C-alpha atoms as a PDB file:
ATOM      1  CA  MET A   1     -17.082  -9.806 -29.820  1.00  0.00           C
ATOM      2  CA  SER A   2     -15.508 -11.279 -26.686  1.00  0.00           C
ATOM      3  CA  PRO A   3     -18.087 -12.228 -24.028  1.00  0.00           C
ATOM      4  CA  ARG A   4     -15.757 -10.986 -21.289  1.00  0.00           C
ATOM      5  CA  PRO A   5     -14.304  -7.470 -21.070  1.00  0.00           C
ATOM      6  CA  SER A   6     -10.597  -6.810 -21.264  1.00  0.00           C
ATOM      7  CA  TYR A   7      -9.651  -5.800 -17.740  1.00  0.00           C
ATOM      8  CA  PHE A   8      -6.481  -4.140 -18.965  1.00  0.00           C
ATOM      9  CA  ARG A   9      -8.425  -1.961 -21.407  1.00  0.00           C
ATOM     10  CA  VAL A  10     -10.937  -1.104 -18.696  1.00  0.00           C
ATOM     11  CA  LEU A  11      -8.090  -0.087 -16.388  1.00  0.00           C
ATOM     12  CA  LEU A  12      -6.634   2.106 -19.114  1.00  0.00           C
ATOM     13  CA  THR A  13     -10.058   3.716 -19.508  1.00  0.00           C
ATOM     14  CA  PHE A  14     -10.197   4.397 -15.762  1.00  0.00           C
ATOM     15  CA  LEU A  15      -6.730   5.951 -15.899  1.00  0.00           C
ATOM     16  CA  ARG A  16      -7.624   8.151 -18.865  1.00  0.00           C
ATOM     17  CA  ASN A  17     -10.983   9.258 -17.500  1.00  0.00           C
ATOM     18  CA  SER A  18      -9.485  10.058 -14.099  1.00  0.00           C
ATOM     19  CA  LEU A  19      -6.730  12.112 -15.722  1.00  0.00           C
ATOM     20  CA  VAL A  20      -9.303  14.021 -17.790  1.00  0.00           C
ATOM     21  CA  ARG A  21     -11.303  14.693 -14.628  1.00  0.00           C
ATOM     22  CA  ASP A  22      -8.218  15.993 -12.802  1.00  0.00           C
ATOM     23  CA  MET A  23      -7.245  18.209 -15.723  1.00  0.00           C
ATOM     24  CA  MET A  24     -10.701  19.772 -15.682  1.00  0.00           C
ATOM     25  CA  PHE A  25      -9.800  21.140 -12.239  1.00  0.00           C
ATOM     26  CA  ARG A  26      -6.105  21.808 -12.771  1.00  0.00           C
ATOM     27  CA  MET A  27      -5.617  24.123  -9.824  1.00  0.00           C
ATOM     28  CA  ASN A  28      -7.118  21.587  -7.427  1.00  0.00           C
ATOM     29  CA  PHE A  29      -4.863  18.916  -8.928  1.00  0.00           C
ATOM     30  CA  ILE A  30      -1.779  21.122  -8.569  1.00  0.00           C
ATOM     31  CA  ILE A  31      -2.597  22.063  -4.977  1.00  0.00           C
ATOM     32  CA  ASP A  32      -3.247  18.425  -4.059  1.00  0.00           C
ATOM     33  CA  THR A  33       0.010  17.292  -5.662  1.00  0.00           C
ATOM     34  CA  VAL A  34       2.029  20.089  -4.026  1.00  0.00           C
ATOM     35  CA  SER A  35       0.492  19.442  -0.604  1.00  0.00           C
ATOM     36  CA  THR A  36       1.196  15.696  -0.667  1.00  0.00           C
ATOM     37  CA  THR A  37       4.721  16.282  -1.972  1.00  0.00           C
ATOM     38  CA  SER A  38       5.332  18.914   0.705  1.00  0.00           C
ATOM     39  CA  TRP A  39       4.314  16.388   3.332  1.00  0.00           C
ATOM     40  CA  VAL A  40       7.003  14.043   1.977  1.00  0.00           C
ATOM     41  CA  PHE A  41       9.707  16.691   2.388  1.00  0.00           C
ATOM     42  CA  MET A  42       8.514  17.602   5.886  1.00  0.00           C
ATOM     43  CA  ASN A  43       8.559  13.930   6.852  1.00  0.00           C
ATOM     44  CA  LEU A  44      12.035  13.538   5.377  1.00  0.00           C
ATOM     45  CA  GLY A  45      13.207  16.620   7.244  1.00  0.00           C
ATOM     46  CA  PHE A  46      11.956  15.114  10.482  1.00  0.00           C
ATOM     47  CA  TYR A  47      14.093  11.995   9.984  1.00  0.00           C
ATOM     48  CA  ILE A  48      17.106  14.046   8.933  1.00  0.00           C
ATOM     49  CA  LEU A  49      16.775  15.844  12.272  1.00  0.00           C
ATOM     50  CA  ILE A  50      16.583  12.525  14.114  1.00  0.00           C
ATOM     51  CA  PHE A  51      19.773  11.239  12.467  1.00  0.00           C
ATOM     52  CA  ARG A  52      21.639  14.280  13.733  1.00  0.00           C
ATOM     53  CA  TYR A  53      21.417  12.660  17.176  1.00  0.00           C
ATOM     54  CA  THR A  54      21.679   8.948  16.405  1.00  0.00           C
ATOM     55  CA  PRO A  55      23.647   6.940  13.812  1.00  0.00           C
ATOM     56  CA  GLU A  56      20.876   4.375  13.255  1.00  0.00           C
ATOM     57  CA  ILE A  57      17.275   3.523  14.085  1.00  0.00           C
ATOM     58  CA  GLY A  58      17.575   1.003  16.911  1.00  0.00           C
ATOM     59  CA  ALA A  59      20.982   0.065  18.248  1.00  0.00           C
ATOM     60  CA  GLY A  60      22.586  -2.738  16.252  1.00  0.00           C
ATOM     61  CA  THR A  61      19.738  -3.052  13.752  1.00  0.00           C
ATOM     62  CA  GLY A  62      21.779  -1.967  10.729  1.00  0.00           C
ATOM     63  CA  TRP A  63      19.268   0.686   9.732  1.00  0.00           C
ATOM     64  CA  GLY A  64      21.571   3.667   9.401  1.00  0.00           C
ATOM     65  CA  LYS A  65      20.629   6.993   7.885  1.00  0.00           C
ATOM     66  CA  TYR A  66      20.650   6.067   4.209  1.00  0.00           C
ATOM     67  CA  GLN A  67      19.490   2.511   4.828  1.00  0.00           C
ATOM     68  CA  PHE A  68      16.464   3.937   6.588  1.00  0.00           C
ATOM     69  CA  PHE A  69      15.953   6.389   3.728  1.00  0.00           C
ATOM     70  CA  LEU A  70      15.659   3.364   1.434  1.00  0.00           C
ATOM     71  CA  PHE A  71      13.081   1.989   3.834  1.00  0.00           C
ATOM     72  CA  LEU A  72      11.274   5.334   3.835  1.00  0.00           C
ATOM     73  CA  ALA A  73      11.346   5.458   0.028  1.00  0.00           C
ATOM     74  CA  THR A  74       9.814   1.983  -0.139  1.00  0.00           C
ATOM     75  CA  THR A  75       7.049   3.148   2.203  1.00  0.00           C
ATOM     76  CA  LEU A  76       6.435   6.149  -0.070  1.00  0.00           C
ATOM     77  CA  LEU A  77       6.134   3.970  -3.171  1.00  0.00           C
ATOM     78  CA  ILE A  78       3.657   1.553  -1.587  1.00  0.00           C
ATOM     79  CA  ASN A  79       1.588   4.303   0.017  1.00  0.00           C
ATOM     80  CA  SER A  80       1.506   6.225  -3.266  1.00  0.00           C
ATOM     81  CA  LEU A  81       0.186   3.187  -5.107  1.00  0.00           C
ATOM     82  CA  ILE A  82      -2.477   2.638  -2.461  1.00  0.00           C
ATOM     83  CA  ARG A  83      -3.477   6.292  -2.330  1.00  0.00           C
ATOM     84  CA  GLY A  84      -3.565   6.664  -6.092  1.00  0.00           C
ATOM     85  CA  LEU A  85      -5.462   3.489  -6.859  1.00  0.00           C
ATOM     86  CA  PHE A  86      -7.556   2.423  -3.905  1.00  0.00           C
ATOM     87  CA  ILE A  87      -8.139   4.816  -0.991  1.00  0.00           C
ATOM     88  CA  GLY A  88     -10.617   7.084  -2.771  1.00  0.00           C
ATOM     89  CA  ASN A  89     -12.477   4.063  -4.102  1.00  0.00           C
ATOM     90  CA  ALA A  90     -12.674   2.438  -0.665  1.00  0.00           C
ATOM     91  CA  VAL A  91     -14.249   5.588   0.762  1.00  0.00           C
ATOM     92  CA  GLU A  92     -16.602   5.839  -2.228  1.00  0.00           C
ATOM     93  CA  PHE A  93     -17.660   2.212  -1.762  1.00  0.00           C
ATOM     94  CA  SER A  94     -19.331   3.124   1.532  1.00  0.00           C
ATOM     95  CA  GLU A  95     -21.269   5.885  -0.222  1.00  0.00           C
ATOM     96  CA  MET A  96     -22.283   3.523  -3.015  1.00  0.00           C
ATOM     97  CA  ILE A  97     -23.843   1.208  -0.459  1.00  0.00           C
ATOM     98  CA  ARG A  98     -25.578   4.034   1.412  1.00  0.00           C
ATOM     99  CA  THR A  99     -27.027   5.672  -1.694  1.00  0.00           C
ATOM    100  CA  GLY A 100     -27.784   2.467  -3.598  1.00  0.00           C
ATOM    101  CA  THR A 101     -25.513   3.239  -6.572  1.00  0.00           C
ATOM    102  CA  LEU A 102     -23.809  -0.105  -5.961  1.00  0.00           C
ATOM    103  CA  ASP A 103     -26.793  -1.565  -7.836  1.00  0.00           C
ATOM    104  CA  PHE A 104     -25.403  -0.177 -11.101  1.00  0.00           C
ATOM    105  CA  ALA A 105     -21.979  -1.674 -10.429  1.00  0.00           C
ATOM    106  CA  LEU A 106     -23.513  -5.090  -9.782  1.00  0.00           C
ATOM    107  CA  LEU A 107     -25.347  -4.959 -13.114  1.00  0.00           C
ATOM    108  CA  LYS A 108     -22.205  -4.329 -15.181  1.00  0.00           C
ATOM    109  CA  PRO A 109     -20.635  -7.322 -16.983  1.00  0.00           C
ATOM    110  CA  ILE A 110     -17.363  -7.045 -15.056  1.00  0.00           C
ATOM    111  CA  ASP A 111     -16.095  -8.197 -11.694  1.00  0.00           C
ATOM    112  CA  THR A 112     -17.626  -5.944  -9.044  1.00  0.00           C
ATOM    113  CA  GLN A 113     -14.551  -5.861  -6.827  1.00  0.00           C
ATOM    114  CA  PHE A 114     -12.393  -4.754  -9.755  1.00  0.00           C
ATOM    115  CA  LEU A 115     -14.898  -2.051 -10.630  1.00  0.00           C
ATOM    116  CA  VAL A 116     -15.296  -0.579  -7.155  1.00  0.00           C
ATOM    117  CA  SER A 117     -11.571  -0.846  -6.396  1.00  0.00           C
ATOM    118  CA  LEU A 118     -10.233   0.986  -9.454  1.00  0.00           C
ATOM    119  CA  GLY A 119     -13.070   3.133 -10.731  1.00  0.00           C
ATOM    120  CA  ARG A 120     -11.389   6.390  -9.729  1.00  0.00           C
ATOM    121  CA  ILE A 121      -7.633   7.018  -9.910  1.00  0.00           C
ATOM    122  CA  GLU A 122      -5.967   9.802  -7.920  1.00  0.00           C
ATOM    123  CA  TRP A 123      -3.224  11.103 -10.213  1.00  0.00           C
ATOM    124  CA  SER A 124      -1.934  13.512  -7.562  1.00  0.00           C
ATOM    125  CA  ALA A 125      -0.312  10.515  -5.850  1.00  0.00           C
ATOM    126  CA  ILE A 126       2.353  10.624  -8.565  1.00  0.00           C
ATOM    127  CA  GLY A 127       4.145  13.392  -6.632  1.00  0.00           C
ATOM    128  CA  PRO A 128       5.096  11.258  -3.588  1.00  0.00           C
ATOM    129  CA  PHE A 129       5.787   8.316  -5.922  1.00  0.00           C
ATOM    130  CA  VAL A 130       8.392  10.323  -7.860  1.00  0.00           C
ATOM    131  CA  CYS A 131       9.869  11.522  -4.555  1.00  0.00           C
ATOM    132  CA  GLY A 132      10.223   7.891  -3.476  1.00  0.00           C
ATOM    133  CA  LEU A 133      12.068   6.985  -6.679  1.00  0.00           C
ATOM    134  CA  ALA A 134      14.365   9.982  -6.294  1.00  0.00           C
ATOM    135  CA  LEU A 135      15.089   9.091  -2.665  1.00  0.00           C
ATOM    136  CA  ILE A 136      15.981   5.537  -3.682  1.00  0.00           C
ATOM    137  CA  GLY A 137      18.404   6.795  -6.324  1.00  0.00           C
ATOM    138  CA  TYR A 138      20.048   9.225  -3.897  1.00  0.00           C
ATOM    139  CA  SER A 139      20.305   6.730  -1.022  1.00  0.00           C
ATOM    140  CA  LEU A 140      21.748   3.938  -3.157  1.00  0.00           C
ATOM    141  CA  PHE A 141      24.750   6.149  -3.903  1.00  0.00           C
ATOM    142  CA  ARG A 142      25.325   6.492  -0.155  1.00  0.00           C
ATOM    143  CA  VAL A 143      25.228   2.851   0.908  1.00  0.00           C
ATOM    144  CA  ASP A 144      27.916   0.218   0.471  1.00  0.00           C
ATOM    145  CA  TYR A 145      25.660  -2.330  -1.200  1.00  0.00           C
ATOM    146  CA  THR A 146      24.648  -2.065  -4.874  1.00  0.00           C
ATOM    147  CA  PRO A 147      21.697  -4.314  -5.825  1.00  0.00           C
ATOM    148  CA  GLY A 148      21.967  -6.309  -9.056  1.00  0.00           C
ATOM    149  CA  PRO A 149      19.326  -6.746 -11.776  1.00  0.00           C
ATOM    150  CA  LEU A 150      17.774  -9.783 -10.074  1.00  0.00           C
ATOM    151  CA  VAL A 151      17.419  -7.891  -6.811  1.00  0.00           C
ATOM    152  CA  VAL A 152      15.756  -4.998  -8.652  1.00  0.00           C
ATOM    153  CA  VAL A 153      13.224  -7.397 -10.181  1.00  0.00           C
ATOM    154  CA  LEU A 154      12.580  -8.982  -6.773  1.00  0.00           C
ATOM    155  CA  TYR A 155      12.233  -5.526  -5.261  1.00  0.00           C
ATOM    156  CA  VAL A 156       9.494  -4.580  -7.729  1.00  0.00           C
ATOM    157  CA  PHE A 157       7.783  -7.927  -7.134  1.00  0.00           C
ATOM    158  CA  TYR A 158       7.772  -7.535  -3.358  1.00  0.00           C
ATOM    159  CA  LEU A 159       6.760  -3.892  -3.692  1.00  0.00           C
ATOM    160  CA  LEU A 160       3.629  -5.087  -5.480  1.00  0.00           C
ATOM    161  CA  CYS A 161       3.174  -7.765  -2.815  1.00  0.00           C
ATOM    162  CA  GLY A 162       3.278  -5.066  -0.154  1.00  0.00           C
ATOM    163  CA  ALA A 163       0.716  -2.989  -2.027  1.00  0.00           C
ATOM    164  CA  ALA A 164      -1.485  -6.092  -2.362  1.00  0.00           C
ATOM    165  CA  ILE A 165      -1.349  -6.711   1.406  1.00  0.00           C
ATOM    166  CA  TYR A 166      -2.298  -3.102   2.101  1.00  0.00           C
ATOM    167  CA  TYR A 167      -5.111  -3.283  -0.448  1.00  0.00           C
ATOM    168  CA  SER A 168      -6.459  -6.550   0.968  1.00  0.00           C
ATOM    169  CA  LEU A 169      -6.753  -5.079   4.435  1.00  0.00           C
ATOM    170  CA  MET A 170      -8.389  -1.938   3.059  1.00  0.00           C
ATOM    171  CA  ILE A 171     -10.987  -3.634   0.851  1.00  0.00           C
ATOM    172  CA  ALA A 172     -11.890  -6.065   3.642  1.00  0.00           C
ATOM    173  CA  MET A 173     -12.534  -3.157   6.003  1.00  0.00           C
ATOM    174  CA  ALA A 174     -14.426  -1.223   3.324  1.00  0.00           C
ATOM    175  CA  SER A 175     -16.625  -4.272   2.686  1.00  0.00           C
ATOM    176  CA  THR A 176     -17.966  -4.080   6.227  1.00  0.00           C
ATOM    177  CA  SER A 177     -19.960  -1.036   5.078  1.00  0.00           C
ATOM    178  CA  VAL A 178     -22.569  -3.508   3.872  1.00  0.00           C
ATOM    179  CA  TRP A 179     -23.257  -4.488   7.488  1.00  0.00           C
ATOM    180  CA  LEU A 180     -22.362  -1.249   9.277  1.00  0.00           C
ATOM    181  CA  GLY A 181     -23.714   1.343   6.842  1.00  0.00           C
ATOM    182  CA  ARG A 182     -20.817   3.763   7.272  1.00  0.00           C
ATOM    183  CA  ASN A 183     -17.381   2.641   8.378  1.00  0.00           C
ATOM    184  CA  LYS A 184     -15.185   5.724   8.226  1.00  0.00           C
ATOM    185  CA  THR A 185     -13.807   4.747  11.634  1.00  0.00           C
ATOM    186  CA  LEU A 186     -12.683   1.373  10.293  1.00  0.00           C
ATOM    187  CA  LEU A 187     -10.880   3.029   7.385  1.00  0.00           C
ATOM    188  CA  ASP A 188      -9.176   5.295   9.922  1.00  0.00           C
ATOM    189  CA  PHE A 189      -8.254   2.112  11.768  1.00  0.00           C
ATOM    190  CA  TRP A 190      -6.539   0.933   8.565  1.00  0.00           C
ATOM    191  CA  PHE A 191      -4.231   3.964   8.776  1.00  0.00           C
ATOM    192  CA  TYR A 192      -3.479   3.217  12.421  1.00  0.00           C
ATOM    193  CA  ILE A 193      -2.568  -0.389  11.638  1.00  0.00           C
ATOM    194  CA  THR A 194      -0.345   0.453   8.678  1.00  0.00           C
ATOM    195  CA  ASN A 195       1.520   3.001  10.817  1.00  0.00           C
ATOM    196  CA  PHE A 196       3.296   0.047  12.430  1.00  0.00           C
ATOM    197  CA  SER A 197       4.912  -0.743   9.078  1.00  0.00           C
ATOM    198  CA  ARG A 198       6.520   2.706   8.795  1.00  0.00           C
ATOM    199  CA  TYR A 199       9.508   1.471  10.797  1.00  0.00           C
ATOM    200  CA  PRO A 200      11.834  -1.553  10.520  1.00  0.00           C
ATOM    201  CA  MET A 201      10.555  -4.585  12.375  1.00  0.00           C
ATOM    202  CA  GLU A 202      13.863  -4.847  14.278  1.00  0.00           C
ATOM    203  CA  ILE A 203      12.824  -1.962  16.529  1.00  0.00           C
ATOM    204  CA  TYR A 204       9.944  -3.981  17.983  1.00  0.00           C
ATOM    205  CA  THR A 205      11.729  -5.641  20.875  1.00  0.00           C
ATOM    206  CA  GLY A 206      11.105  -6.160  24.564  1.00  0.00           C
ATOM    207  CA  ASP A 207       7.999  -7.215  26.444  1.00  0.00           C
ATOM    208  CA  TYR A 208       5.693  -4.988  24.393  1.00  0.00           C
ATOM    209  CA  GLY A 209       7.550  -4.848  21.095  1.00  0.00           C
ATOM    210  CA  VAL A 210       7.825  -8.586  20.435  1.00  0.00           C
ATOM    211  CA  PRO A 211       4.045  -9.260  20.640  1.00  0.00           C
ATOM    212  CA  ILE A 212       3.418  -6.292  18.346  1.00  0.00           C
ATOM    213  CA  ARG A 213       5.980  -7.641  15.895  1.00  0.00           C
ATOM    214  CA  GLN A 214       4.459 -11.135  15.942  1.00  0.00           C
ATOM    215  CA  VAL A 215       0.884  -9.906  15.468  1.00  0.00           C
ATOM    216  CA  PHE A 216       1.694  -7.523  12.622  1.00  0.00           C
ATOM    217  CA  THR A 217       3.933 -10.051  10.901  1.00  0.00           C
ATOM    218  CA  PHE A 218       1.998 -13.316  11.089  1.00  0.00           C
ATOM    219  CA  ILE A 219      -1.628 -12.333  11.799  1.00  0.00           C
ATOM    220  CA  ILE A 220      -1.977  -8.942  10.102  1.00  0.00           C
ATOM    221  CA  PRO A 221       1.129  -9.026   7.876  1.00  0.00           C
ATOM    222  CA  VAL A 222       1.668  -5.294   7.389  1.00  0.00           C
ATOM    223  CA  LEU A 223       5.259  -5.416   8.649  1.00  0.00           C
ATOM    224  CA  VAL A 224       6.354  -7.690   5.800  1.00  0.00           C
ATOM    225  CA  ALA A 225       4.752  -5.320   3.279  1.00  0.00           C
ATOM    226  CA  VAL A 226       7.585  -2.788   3.565  1.00  0.00           C
ATOM    227  CA  ASN A 227      10.345  -4.650   5.384  1.00  0.00           C
ATOM    228  CA  VAL A 228      10.855  -7.369   2.775  1.00  0.00           C
ATOM    229  CA  PRO A 229      11.378  -5.145  -0.299  1.00  0.00           C
ATOM    230  CA  ALA A 230      13.344  -2.553   1.705  1.00  0.00           C
ATOM    231  CA  ARG A 231      15.781  -5.191   2.976  1.00  0.00           C
ATOM    232  CA  LEU A 232      16.558  -6.223  -0.587  1.00  0.00           C
ATOM    233  CA  LEU A 233      17.964  -2.746  -1.270  1.00  0.00           C
ATOM    234  CA  VAL A 234      19.861  -2.494   2.001  1.00  0.00           C
ATOM    235  CA  ARG A 235      21.735  -5.775   2.318  1.00  0.00           C
ATOM    236  CA  PRO A 236      22.563  -8.807   0.120  1.00  0.00           C
ATOM    237  CA  LEU A 237      20.130 -11.697   0.216  1.00  0.00           C
ATOM    238  CA  ASP A 238      21.899 -14.906   1.278  1.00  0.00           C
ATOM    239  CA  ILE A 239      20.009 -17.744  -0.407  1.00  0.00           C
ATOM    240  CA  HIS A 240      21.911 -20.245   1.746  1.00  0.00           C
ATOM    241  CA  SER A 241      20.630 -18.717   4.968  1.00  0.00           C
ATOM    242  CA  PRO A 242      17.220 -20.000   6.149  1.00  0.00           C
ATOM    243  CA  GLY A 243      16.800 -16.805   8.166  1.00  0.00           C
ATOM    244  CA  ASP A 244      17.219 -14.634   5.077  1.00  0.00           C
ATOM    245  CA  LEU A 245      14.825 -16.731   2.994  1.00  0.00           C
ATOM    246  CA  PHE A 246      12.032 -17.206   5.531  1.00  0.00           C
ATOM    247  CA  LEU A 247      10.606 -13.679   5.447  1.00  0.00           C
ATOM    248  CA  PRO A 248      10.574 -13.322   1.604  1.00  0.00           C
ATOM    249  CA  LEU A 249       8.914 -16.735   1.254  1.00  0.00           C
ATOM    250  CA  PHE A 250       6.426 -15.925   3.985  1.00  0.00           C
ATOM    251  CA  ALA A 251       5.631 -12.612   2.267  1.00  0.00           C
ATOM    252  CA  ILE A 252       4.444 -14.520  -0.818  1.00  0.00           C
ATOM    253  CA  PHE A 253       2.130 -16.720   1.252  1.00  0.00           C
ATOM    254  CA  ALA A 254       0.963 -13.689   3.239  1.00  0.00           C
ATOM    255  CA  THR A 255       0.113 -11.844   0.025  1.00  0.00           C
ATOM    256  CA  ALA A 256      -1.823 -14.775  -1.414  1.00  0.00           C
ATOM    257  CA  GLY A 257      -3.600 -15.387   1.883  1.00  0.00           C
ATOM    258  CA  SER A 258      -4.492 -11.700   2.280  1.00  0.00           C
ATOM    259  CA  LEU A 259      -5.926 -11.471  -1.223  1.00  0.00           C
ATOM    260  CA  LEU A 260      -7.978 -14.653  -0.798  1.00  0.00           C
ATOM    261  CA  ALA A 261      -9.263 -13.585   2.621  1.00  0.00           C
ATOM    262  CA  SER A 262     -10.246 -10.121   1.410  1.00  0.00           C
ATOM    263  CA  ARG A 263     -11.950 -11.631  -1.624  1.00  0.00           C
ATOM    264  CA  TRP A 264     -13.974 -13.901   0.641  1.00  0.00           C
ATOM    265  CA  VAL A 265     -14.976 -10.968   2.867  1.00  0.00           C
ATOM    266  CA  PHE A 266     -16.000  -8.911  -0.154  1.00  0.00           C
ATOM    267  CA  LYS A 267     -18.087 -11.687  -1.718  1.00  0.00           C
ATOM    268  CA  THR A 268     -19.688 -12.528   1.619  1.00  0.00           C
ATOM    269  CA  ALA A 269     -20.557  -8.867   2.156  1.00  0.00           C
ATOM    270  CA  LEU A 270     -22.209  -8.654  -1.273  1.00  0.00           C
ATOM    271  CA  LEU A 271     -24.414 -11.622  -0.386  1.00  0.00           C
ATOM    272  CA  SER A 272     -25.793  -9.534   2.475  1.00  0.00           C
ATOM    273  CA  TYR A 273     -26.304  -6.449   0.355  1.00  0.00           C
ATOM    274  CA  ARG A 274     -29.866  -5.307  -0.230  1.00  0.00           C
ATOM    275  CA  SER A 275     -30.323  -3.084  -3.262  1.00  0.00           C
ATOM    276  CA  ALA A 276     -31.868   0.367  -3.055  1.00  0.00           C
ATOM    277  CA  SER A 277     -35.019  -0.972  -4.684  1.00  0.00           C
ATOM    278  CA  SER A 278     -35.513  -3.779  -2.137  1.00  0.00           C
END
């Protein structure tokens, strides 16, 4: 028998067990899925109303109606992945510390961060995810640019990079529960920070916009999480242009740096953890 568990098989077990749990309370699952999907349509309706009065988001930015819908769809995909895989677990992590049930996770022969990050999957997030895919398909028929197979592969790669950046920020904030006891406010702060990435970075101009853009690109890189994959669907990537290549290359370093930093915060927090029996 292998001395180390198969993380893929463990993940499949989490997915199956979470689906069984949701199917035990089908009506709650249906209501949750319908409510989150309804929010997507209300949000989309809001932007449709906006584009009745303006041809694009930000003058001269190139983010017209359907280009922005591709941006919005990318946001939906990343947020759905985060909501389905991590948000519930981040909230539960605080309770595990408060009640002492983290002791049992530490005793299991598997990486603790993996266990507390993916122990519970929210299948209702599949509703907004499907809406995001549908919005991408619809919007691509309305824009002049058709991405090729390589761009599609890069899009999926950078979509996962964006989800990794979001996750890194979330797990780092959740880890502070070890020192603070409860940190619901910090998790709310995560939502406030990621709200900046709901819009193209080109709109952050002027005396106030430029500092915001710099901070949330190079210090807390949430702007690159959505902007980089969304741009791949909106306009061709010129590999001969340093300006076009800088942001995608930086996104890779930002993803790696975010994951390493969050890992360090998590491990450092565990060193300060005192079990329920101590």
